[in-house]
Amino acid sequence: MRALALLFMAATSTWDFEKDEIDKEPAGFEFATTAKTPAGKWTIRKEGENKVIVQTDANKTKSRYALALVKDSSFKDLKLSVKGKPVSGEVDQSVGVVWRCRDGDNYYVARSNALESNVRLYRVIQGTRTQLASKEEVKLKTGKWHTLSIEHKGNAIAVFLNGEKLFDAQDREIREAGKIGLWTKADSVTCFDDLAAEELK
């Protein structure tokens, strides 16, 4: 039983930022934006007893999508989750995860929005964002942590909030493996912790 547990643990890659330096960019990450919009600013901060990564730039460009990508990551079918806390934002207060990401203009993203009280799934192709599915009237609060997660196998995508499935979707546009990472929009100042990815066989 213990051997099986260790095997399961080894199959999940996690990023908890505990070894990173305060006020520095996280090691092993690279940064991008969509459609050549202004860059975000990603830094490590102390949050209680833990270290977290925070997107701190409050640029109000409405269509600015800032990404922090795990260098050299490559996943196709996967489970992906992150803990997120929207801190502030007048235009947006988002917590997002990206996957099958080729670059800043081509990826899938699931994101929650505390201002709009919804969770949505998008694909981005050549910098153009298309909504695939949405759940409205979702209870999200500024300054409170929640866990956003997805499962993507083949063309089937499921999106979860705090372990509860919100919706399913189908899409076949991005078929190749790609990088995983974090995502915010516009002036959203957001904390992230415990990014985790498990490859699905």
Protein backbone atom coordinates (compact mmCIF):
# COMPACT_ATOMS: atom_id res chain seq x y z
CA MET A 1 0.00 0.00 0.00
CA ARG A 2 2.80 2.41 0.88
CA ALA A 3 4.54 1.70 -2.44
CA LEU A 4 1.33 2.53 -4.30
CA ALA A 5 1.00 5.78 -2.35
CA LEU A 6 4.57 6.79 -3.15
CA LEU A 7 4.00 5.99 -6.82
CA PHE A 8 0.90 8.20 -6.87
CA MET A 9 2.76 11.04 -5.20
CA ALA A 10 5.62 10.79 -7.68
CA ALA A 11 3.15 11.13 -10.57
CA THR A 12 2.05 14.59 -9.38
CA SER A 13 4.33 17.59 -9.92
CA THR A 14 3.87 20.44 -7.44
CA TRP A 15 5.13 24.00 -7.03
CA ASP A 16 4.71 25.46 -3.54
CA PHE A 17 7.35 28.27 -3.78
CA GLU A 18 8.80 27.51 -0.33
CA LYS A 19 12.38 27.42 -1.67
CA ASP A 20 12.06 30.71 -3.56
CA GLU A 21 13.43 34.03 -2.34
CA ILE A 22 11.11 36.74 -1.02
CA ASP A 23 10.65 39.70 -3.40
CA LYS A 24 12.19 37.75 -6.29
CA GLU A 25 10.68 36.06 -9.32
CA PRO A 26 10.07 32.33 -8.76
CA ALA A 27 12.75 29.95 -10.01
CA GLY A 28 11.79 27.77 -12.96
CA PHE A 29 9.14 30.12 -14.35
CA GLU A 30 8.97 32.30 -17.44
CA PHE A 31 6.55 35.12 -18.14
CA ALA A 32 4.38 36.21 -21.06
CA THR A 33 1.35 38.25 -22.01
CA THR A 34 -1.24 37.78 -24.74
CA ALA A 35 -1.33 39.98 -27.85
CA LYS A 36 1.72 42.01 -26.78
CA THR A 37 -0.11 43.72 -23.90
CA PRO A 38 1.88 45.19 -20.95
CA ALA A 39 3.80 42.62 -18.92
CA GLY A 40 2.76 41.50 -15.46
CA LYS A 41 5.00 41.50 -12.41
CA TRP A 42 5.30 38.18 -10.62
CA THR A 43 7.06 38.00 -7.25
CA ILE A 44 7.35 35.83 -4.15
CA ARG A 45 5.78 37.06 -0.91
CA LYS A 46 5.12 35.72 2.56
CA GLU A 47 1.48 34.85 3.23
CA GLY A 48 1.06 33.71 6.82
CA GLU A 49 3.47 30.81 7.29
CA ASN A 50 3.75 30.11 3.56
CA LYS A 51 5.46 31.63 0.56
CA VAL A 52 3.23 32.39 -2.41
CA ILE A 53 3.61 33.88 -5.88
CA VAL A 54 1.74 37.15 -6.48
CA GLN A 55 0.94 39.06 -9.66
CA THR A 56 1.35 42.60 -8.32
CA ASP A 57 1.07 44.91 -11.35
CA ALA A 58 -2.32 46.71 -11.30
CA ASN A 59 -2.23 47.86 -14.93
CA LYS A 60 -5.86 48.48 -15.92
CA THR A 61 -5.53 47.49 -19.58
CA LYS A 62 -8.78 45.52 -19.90
CA SER A 63 -7.48 42.92 -22.34
CA ARG A 64 -4.16 42.32 -20.58
CA TYR A 65 -3.66 38.62 -19.86
CA ALA A 66 -0.49 38.01 -17.82
CA LEU A 67 0.98 34.49 -17.67
CA ALA A 68 3.57 32.82 -15.42
CA LEU A 69 4.56 29.56 -17.12
CA VAL A 70 6.52 26.60 -15.77
CA LYS A 71 9.65 26.38 -17.89
CA ASP A 72 10.11 23.12 -19.80
CA SER A 73 6.75 21.74 -18.61
CA SER A 74 4.87 19.60 -21.10
CA PHE A 75 1.43 18.13 -20.43
CA LYS A 76 -1.39 17.08 -22.72
CA ASP A 77 -4.00 15.08 -20.82
CA LEU A 78 -3.83 16.15 -17.18
CA LYS A 79 -5.33 17.13 -13.88
CA LEU A 80 -4.27 20.67 -12.93
CA SER A 81 -5.07 22.66 -9.80
CA VAL A 82 -4.02 25.80 -7.97
CA LYS A 83 -4.99 27.68 -4.82
CA GLY A 84 -5.73 31.31 -5.54
CA LYS A 85 -6.71 34.45 -3.65
CA PRO A 86 -7.92 37.60 -5.44
CA VAL A 87 -6.48 40.54 -3.49
CA SER A 88 -7.65 43.60 -5.43
CA GLY A 89 -8.71 44.94 -8.81
CA GLU A 90 -11.25 47.43 -10.12
CA VAL A 91 -11.40 45.97 -13.62
CA ASP A 92 -10.87 42.31 -12.74
CA GLN A 93 -10.15 39.98 -9.83
CA SER A 94 -9.12 36.72 -11.44
CA VAL A 95 -7.47 33.42 -10.51
CA GLY A 96 -6.50 31.47 -13.62
CA VAL A 97 -4.66 28.34 -14.73
CA VAL A 98 -3.37 27.68 -18.24
CA TRP A 99 -2.42 24.44 -19.98
CA ARG A 100 -1.51 23.08 -23.41
CA CYS A 101 0.21 26.44 -23.72
CA ARG A 102 2.47 26.90 -26.74
CA ASP A 103 3.14 30.57 -26.03
CA GLY A 104 1.40 33.70 -24.72
CA ASP A 105 -1.03 33.67 -27.64
CA ASN A 106 -2.06 29.99 -27.73
CA TYR A 107 -3.43 28.08 -24.71
CA TYR A 108 -6.44 26.97 -22.69
CA VAL A 109 -7.36 28.90 -19.54
CA ALA A 110 -9.88 28.35 -16.76
CA ARG A 111 -10.41 31.32 -14.50
CA SER A 112 -12.54 32.50 -11.61
CA ASN A 113 -13.59 36.15 -11.21
CA ALA A 114 -14.59 37.50 -7.79
CA LEU A 115 -16.05 40.70 -9.27
CA GLU A 116 -18.31 38.85 -11.71
CA SER A 117 -19.02 35.84 -9.42
CA ASN A 118 -18.34 33.35 -12.20
CA VAL A 119 -15.92 30.71 -13.46
CA ARG A 120 -15.20 30.43 -17.17
CA LEU A 121 -13.26 28.29 -19.61
CA TYR A 122 -11.59 29.79 -22.68
CA ARG A 123 -9.25 28.84 -25.46
CA VAL A 124 -6.84 31.40 -26.87
CA ILE A 125 -5.68 31.01 -30.47
CA GLN A 126 -3.31 33.55 -32.02
CA GLY A 127 -4.17 35.97 -29.24
CA THR A 128 -7.95 35.75 -29.70
CA ARG A 129 -9.95 34.48 -26.71
CA THR A 130 -13.08 32.32 -27.20
CA GLN A 131 -15.36 31.33 -24.33
CA LEU A 132 -16.15 27.60 -24.22
CA ALA A 133 -18.23 27.31 -21.04
CA SER A 134 -19.24 29.26 -17.93
CA LYS A 135 -20.81 28.91 -14.49
CA GLU A 136 -22.53 32.01 -13.13
CA GLU A 137 -23.49 33.03 -9.59
CA VAL A 138 -20.48 31.34 -8.03
CA LYS A 139 -19.62 32.38 -4.47
CA LEU A 140 -16.16 33.98 -4.60
CA LYS A 141 -14.80 36.56 -2.18
CA THR A 142 -11.97 39.08 -2.42
CA GLY A 143 -9.26 38.18 0.08
CA LYS A 144 -10.37 34.53 0.41
CA TRP A 145 -8.54 31.46 -0.92
CA HIS A 146 -10.21 28.95 -3.21
CA THR A 147 -8.99 26.02 -5.31
CA LEU A 148 -9.52 26.05 -9.07
CA SER A 149 -8.86 22.82 -10.96
CA ILE A 150 -9.42 21.17 -14.33
CA GLU A 151 -9.25 17.74 -15.89
CA HIS A 152 -8.56 17.52 -19.61
CA LYS A 153 -8.45 14.19 -21.45
CA GLY A 154 -8.72 14.03 -25.22
CA ASN A 155 -11.35 16.61 -26.14
CA ALA A 156 -13.16 16.49 -22.78
CA ILE A 157 -12.59 19.24 -20.21
CA ALA A 158 -14.06 19.43 -16.70
CA VAL A 159 -13.71 22.47 -14.41
CA PHE A 160 -13.94 22.33 -10.61
CA LEU A 161 -14.08 24.82 -7.75
CA ASN A 162 -13.06 23.62 -4.28
CA GLY A 163 -13.45 20.04 -5.47
CA GLU A 164 -16.98 20.51 -6.85
CA LYS A 165 -17.50 20.08 -10.58
CA LEU A 166 -18.98 23.20 -12.16
CA PHE A 167 -19.26 22.15 -15.80
CA ASP A 168 -18.00 19.99 -18.66
CA ALA A 169 -16.96 21.12 -22.12
CA GLN A 170 -15.61 19.69 -25.37
CA ASP A 171 -12.95 21.23 -27.60
CA ARG A 172 -10.48 19.87 -30.15
CA GLU A 173 -8.64 23.01 -31.29
CA ILE A 174 -5.43 22.65 -29.22
CA ARG A 175 -4.36 19.03 -29.44
CA GLU A 176 -0.66 19.16 -28.61
CA ALA A 177 1.01 19.00 -25.22
CA GLY A 178 2.16 22.33 -23.84
CA LYS A 179 3.25 24.27 -20.79
CA ILE A 180 1.20 24.85 -17.67
CA GLY A 181 1.04 27.99 -15.58
CA LEU A 182 -0.85 30.81 -13.92
CA TRP A 183 -2.97 33.61 -15.41
CA THR A 184 -4.48 36.95 -14.43
CA LYS A 185 -6.33 39.68 -16.27
CA ALA A 186 -6.04 43.49 -16.29
CA ASP A 187 -5.42 45.00 -12.83
CA SER A 188 -6.04 41.81 -10.87
CA VAL A 189 -3.57 41.49 -7.98
CA THR A 190 -3.70 37.79 -7.16
CA CYS A 191 -1.89 35.33 -4.86
CA PHE A 192 -1.26 31.75 -5.98
CA ASP A 193 0.03 28.70 -4.12
CA ASP A 194 0.33 24.93 -4.51
CA LEU A 195 0.18 24.59 -8.29
CA ALA A 196 -0.13 20.86 -9.01
CA ALA A 197 -0.23 18.86 -12.24
CA GLU A 198 -0.75 15.15 -12.81
CA GLU A 199 -0.44 13.56 -16.23
CA LEU A 200 -3.41 11.38 -17.22
CA LYS A 201 -2.67 8.15 -19.05
